[in-house]
C-alpha atoms as a PDB file:
ATOM      1  CA  MET A   1    -120.971 -40.302 139.051  1.00  0.00           C
ATOM      2  CA  ASN A   2    -123.641 -38.157 140.418  1.00  0.00           C
ATOM      3  CA  GLU A   3    -122.516 -39.227 144.169  1.00  0.00           C
ATOM      4  CA  LEU A   4    -118.668 -38.465 143.402  1.00  0.00           C
ATOM      5  CA  LEU A   5    -120.095 -34.898 141.472  1.00  0.00           C
ATOM      6  CA  LEU A   6    -121.574 -34.471 144.429  1.00  0.00           C
ATOM      7  CA  LYS A   7    -119.068 -35.036 147.070  1.00  0.00           C
ATOM      8  CA  LEU A   8    -116.904 -32.886 144.799  1.00  0.00           C
ATOM      9  CA  THR A   9    -118.237 -29.977 144.386  1.00  0.00           C
ATOM     10  CA  SER A  10    -119.263 -30.072 148.187  1.00  0.00           C
ATOM     11  CA  GLY A  11    -115.748 -30.439 149.470  1.00  0.00           C
ATOM     12  CA  ILE A  12    -114.467 -27.880 146.894  1.00  0.00           C
ATOM     13  CA  GLY A  13    -117.447 -25.760 148.148  1.00  0.00           C
ATOM     14  CA  VAL A  14    -116.338 -26.145 151.866  1.00  0.00           C
ATOM     15  CA  ILE A  15    -112.897 -24.674 150.956  1.00  0.00           C
ATOM     16  CA  LEU A  16    -114.225 -21.524 148.904  1.00  0.00           C
ATOM     17  CA  SER A  17    -116.542 -20.866 151.753  1.00  0.00           C
ATOM     18  CA  ILE A  18    -113.494 -20.962 154.267  1.00  0.00           C
ATOM     19  CA  ILE A  19    -112.040 -18.084 151.762  1.00  0.00           C
ATOM     20  CA  PHE A  20    -114.921 -16.310 151.206  1.00  0.00           C
ATOM     21  CA  LEU A  21    -115.220 -16.011 155.363  1.00  0.00           C
ATOM     22  CA  LEU A  22    -111.561 -15.168 155.191  1.00  0.00           C
ATOM     23  CA  THR A  23    -112.136 -12.664 152.343  1.00  0.00           C
ATOM     24  CA  CYS A  24    -115.071 -10.653 153.938  1.00  0.00           C
ATOM     25  CA  TYR A  25    -113.380 -10.543 157.333  1.00  0.00           C
ATOM     26  CA  ASN A  26    -110.726  -8.985 156.097  1.00  0.00           C
ATOM     27  CA  LEU A  27    -112.768  -6.547 153.493  1.00  0.00           C
ATOM     28  CA  TYR A  28    -115.213  -5.943 156.810  1.00  0.00           C
ATOM     29  CA  LYS A  29    -112.182  -4.930 159.032  1.00  0.00           C
ATOM     30  CA  ASN A  30    -111.141  -2.740 155.683  1.00  0.00           C
ATOM     31  CA  LEU A  31    -114.416  -1.103 155.718  1.00  0.00           C
ATOM     32  CA  ARG A  32    -114.532  -0.332 159.703  1.00  0.00           C
ATOM     33  CA  ASP A  33    -111.337   0.621 160.225  1.00  0.00           C
ATOM     34  CA  ARG A  34    -110.972   2.974 157.017  1.00  0.00           C
ATOM     35  CA  PRO A  35    -114.550   4.158 156.003  1.00  0.00           C
ATOM     36  CA  THR A  36    -113.584   6.853 154.135  1.00  0.00           C
ATOM     37  CA  TYR A  37    -110.404   5.895 152.373  1.00  0.00           C
ATOM     38  CA  SER A  38    -112.061   2.116 151.138  1.00  0.00           C
ATOM     39  CA  LEU A  39    -115.065   3.040 149.938  1.00  0.00           C
ATOM     40  CA  GLY A  40    -113.501   6.576 148.208  1.00  0.00           C
ATOM     41  CA  ARG A  41    -111.201   3.954 146.272  1.00  0.00           C
ATOM     42  CA  MET A  42    -113.842   1.094 145.893  1.00  0.00           C
ATOM     43  CA  PHE A  43    -116.028   3.865 143.939  1.00  0.00           C
ATOM     44  CA  LEU A  44    -113.378   5.302 142.312  1.00  0.00           C
ATOM     45  CA  LYS A  45    -111.589   2.470 140.994  1.00  0.00           C
ATOM     46  CA  LYS A  46    -112.594   0.704 137.871  1.00  0.00           C
ATOM     47  CA  GLU A  47    -111.572  -2.253 138.990  1.00  0.00           C
ATOM     48  CA  SER A  48    -114.676  -2.316 141.167  1.00  0.00           C
ATOM     49  CA  ILE A  49    -116.944  -2.538 137.893  1.00  0.00           C
ATOM     50  CA  PRO A  50    -115.861  -5.985 136.916  1.00  0.00           C
ATOM     51  CA  ALA A  51    -115.978  -7.134 140.392  1.00  0.00           C
ATOM     52  CA  PHE A  52    -119.759  -5.512 141.421  1.00  0.00           C
ATOM     53  CA  THR A  53    -121.064  -7.194 137.913  1.00  0.00           C
ATOM     54  CA  LEU A  54    -119.354 -11.058 138.783  1.00  0.00           C
ATOM     55  CA  MET A  55    -121.030 -10.348 142.088  1.00  0.00           C
ATOM     56  CA  THR A  56    -124.286  -9.299 140.653  1.00  0.00           C
ATOM     57  CA  ILE A  57    -123.771 -12.643 138.141  1.00  0.00           C
ATOM     58  CA  CYS A  58    -123.646 -14.546 141.239  1.00  0.00           C
ATOM     59  CA  PHE A  59    -126.787 -13.565 142.344  1.00  0.00           C
ATOM     60  CA  ILE A  60    -128.337 -14.524 139.413  1.00  0.00           C
ATOM     61  CA  ILE A  61    -127.370 -17.938 139.510  1.00  0.00           C
ATOM     62  CA  PHE A  62    -127.667 -18.313 143.128  1.00  0.00           C
ATOM     63  CA  ALA A  63    -131.593 -17.160 142.462  1.00  0.00           C
ATOM     64  CA  ALA A  64    -131.739 -19.897 139.392  1.00  0.00           C
ATOM     65  CA  ALA A  65    -130.326 -22.571 141.549  1.00  0.00           C
ATOM     66  CA  ARG A  66    -133.042 -21.932 144.199  1.00  0.00           C
ATOM     67  CA  ILE A  67    -135.464 -21.790 141.847  1.00  0.00           C
ATOM     68  CA  ILE A  68    -134.349 -25.458 140.566  1.00  0.00           C
ATOM     69  CA  SER A  69    -134.562 -26.467 143.955  1.00  0.00           C
ATOM     70  CA  TYR A  70    -138.273 -25.026 144.906  1.00  0.00           C
ATOM     71  CA  MET A  71    -139.417 -26.589 141.843  1.00  0.00           C
ATOM     72  CA  LEU A  72    -138.572 -30.105 142.411  1.00  0.00           C
ATOM     73  CA  VAL A  73    -140.376 -29.398 145.844  1.00  0.00           C
ATOM     74  CA  LEU A  74    -143.293 -28.139 143.649  1.00  0.00           C
ATOM     75  CA  CYS A  75    -143.379 -30.710 141.494  1.00  0.00           C
ATOM     76  CA  GLY A  76    -143.348 -33.720 144.189  1.00  0.00           C
ATOM     77  CA  ILE A  77    -139.887 -35.181 142.360  1.00  0.00           C
ATOM     78  CA  SER A  78    -138.038 -37.047 145.742  1.00  0.00           C
ATOM     79  CA  GLY A  79    -135.629 -39.896 145.490  1.00  0.00           C
ATOM     80  CA  ALA A  80    -133.164 -40.860 143.201  1.00  0.00           C
ATOM     81  CA  LEU A  81    -134.197 -38.025 140.675  1.00  0.00           C
ATOM     82  CA  GLU A  82    -134.785 -35.480 142.841  1.00  0.00           C
ATOM     83  CA  MET A  83    -130.566 -36.287 143.892  1.00  0.00           C
ATOM     84  CA  GLU A  84    -129.485 -36.884 140.013  1.00  0.00           C
ATOM     85  CA  ILE A  85    -131.296 -33.087 138.954  1.00  0.00           C
ATOM     86  CA  ILE A  86    -129.469 -31.701 142.441  1.00  0.00           C
ATOM     87  CA  ALA A  87    -125.992 -33.213 141.466  1.00  0.00           C
ATOM     88  CA  THR A  88    -125.796 -32.695 137.853  1.00  0.00           C
ATOM     89  CA  VAL A  89    -127.987 -29.374 137.971  1.00  0.00           C
ATOM     90  CA  ARG A  90    -128.025 -27.402 141.038  1.00  0.00           C
ATOM     91  CA  ALA A  91    -124.381 -28.392 142.465  1.00  0.00           C
ATOM     92  CA  PRO A  92    -122.619 -27.472 139.717  1.00  0.00           C
ATOM     93  CA  MET A  93    -124.398 -23.572 139.708  1.00  0.00           C
ATOM     94  CA  ASP A  94    -123.625 -23.267 143.406  1.00  0.00           C
ATOM     95  CA  LEU A  95    -120.297 -23.988 142.983  1.00  0.00           C
ATOM     96  CA  VAL A  96    -119.992 -21.569 140.272  1.00  0.00           C
ATOM     97  CA  GLY A  97    -121.546 -18.874 141.990  1.00  0.00           C
ATOM     98  CA  ALA A  98    -119.369 -19.005 144.515  1.00  0.00           C
ATOM     99  CA  ILE A  99    -116.045 -19.247 142.404  1.00  0.00           C
ATOM    100  CA  LEU A 100    -117.786 -16.040 141.391  1.00  0.00           C
ATOM    101  CA  LEU A 101    -118.987 -14.646 144.729  1.00  0.00           C
ATOM    102  CA  VAL A 102    -115.002 -15.309 146.498  1.00  0.00           C
ATOM    103  CA  VAL A 103    -113.476 -13.631 142.972  1.00  0.00           C
ATOM    104  CA  SER A 104    -115.629 -10.723 143.505  1.00  0.00           C
ATOM    105  CA  THR A 105    -115.043 -10.318 147.121  1.00  0.00           C
ATOM    106  CA  MET A 106    -111.125 -10.535 146.328  1.00  0.00           C
ATOM    107  CA  ILE A 107    -111.042  -8.349 144.000  1.00  0.00           C
ATOM    108  CA  LEU A 108    -113.216  -5.891 146.547  1.00  0.00           C
ATOM    109  CA  TYR A 109    -110.573  -6.598 149.118  1.00  0.00           C
ATOM    110  CA  SER A 110    -107.586  -5.883 147.085  1.00  0.00           C
ATOM    111  CA  ILE A 111    -109.151  -2.300 146.091  1.00  0.00           C
ATOM    112  CA  THR A 112    -109.652  -1.138 149.699  1.00  0.00           C
ATOM    113  CA  ARG A 113    -106.593  -2.573 151.287  1.00  0.00           C
ATOM    114  CA  ARG A 114    -104.371   0.040 152.131  1.00  0.00           C
ATOM    115  CA  ARG A 115    -101.235   0.183 150.192  1.00  0.00           C
ATOM    116  CA  ASP A 116     -98.334   1.058 152.503  1.00  0.00           C
END
């Protein structure tokens, strides 16, 4: 069961990472090509507040997941128990963090996208 959960979260994570990469590239292009317009919209639109809030929550989840990994190493937990903890706790945390990061980046991209 834990192995299936780990594979499922990893597969979804790969898809989310590709979406995140493409969205970040498009956001970067907007910021590079029209910096004044993009930054002006980013900091003047109300929709930016939830995007930055989601991004901050994502950073907190990311840090918490890393703390779990480091605690496993410091406590000397390894083998099957380590994989069970990673599969049931850290992998879902990483997945939730990735979803929040993709959503927040998509919001920022939609804000900075030029409307013609």
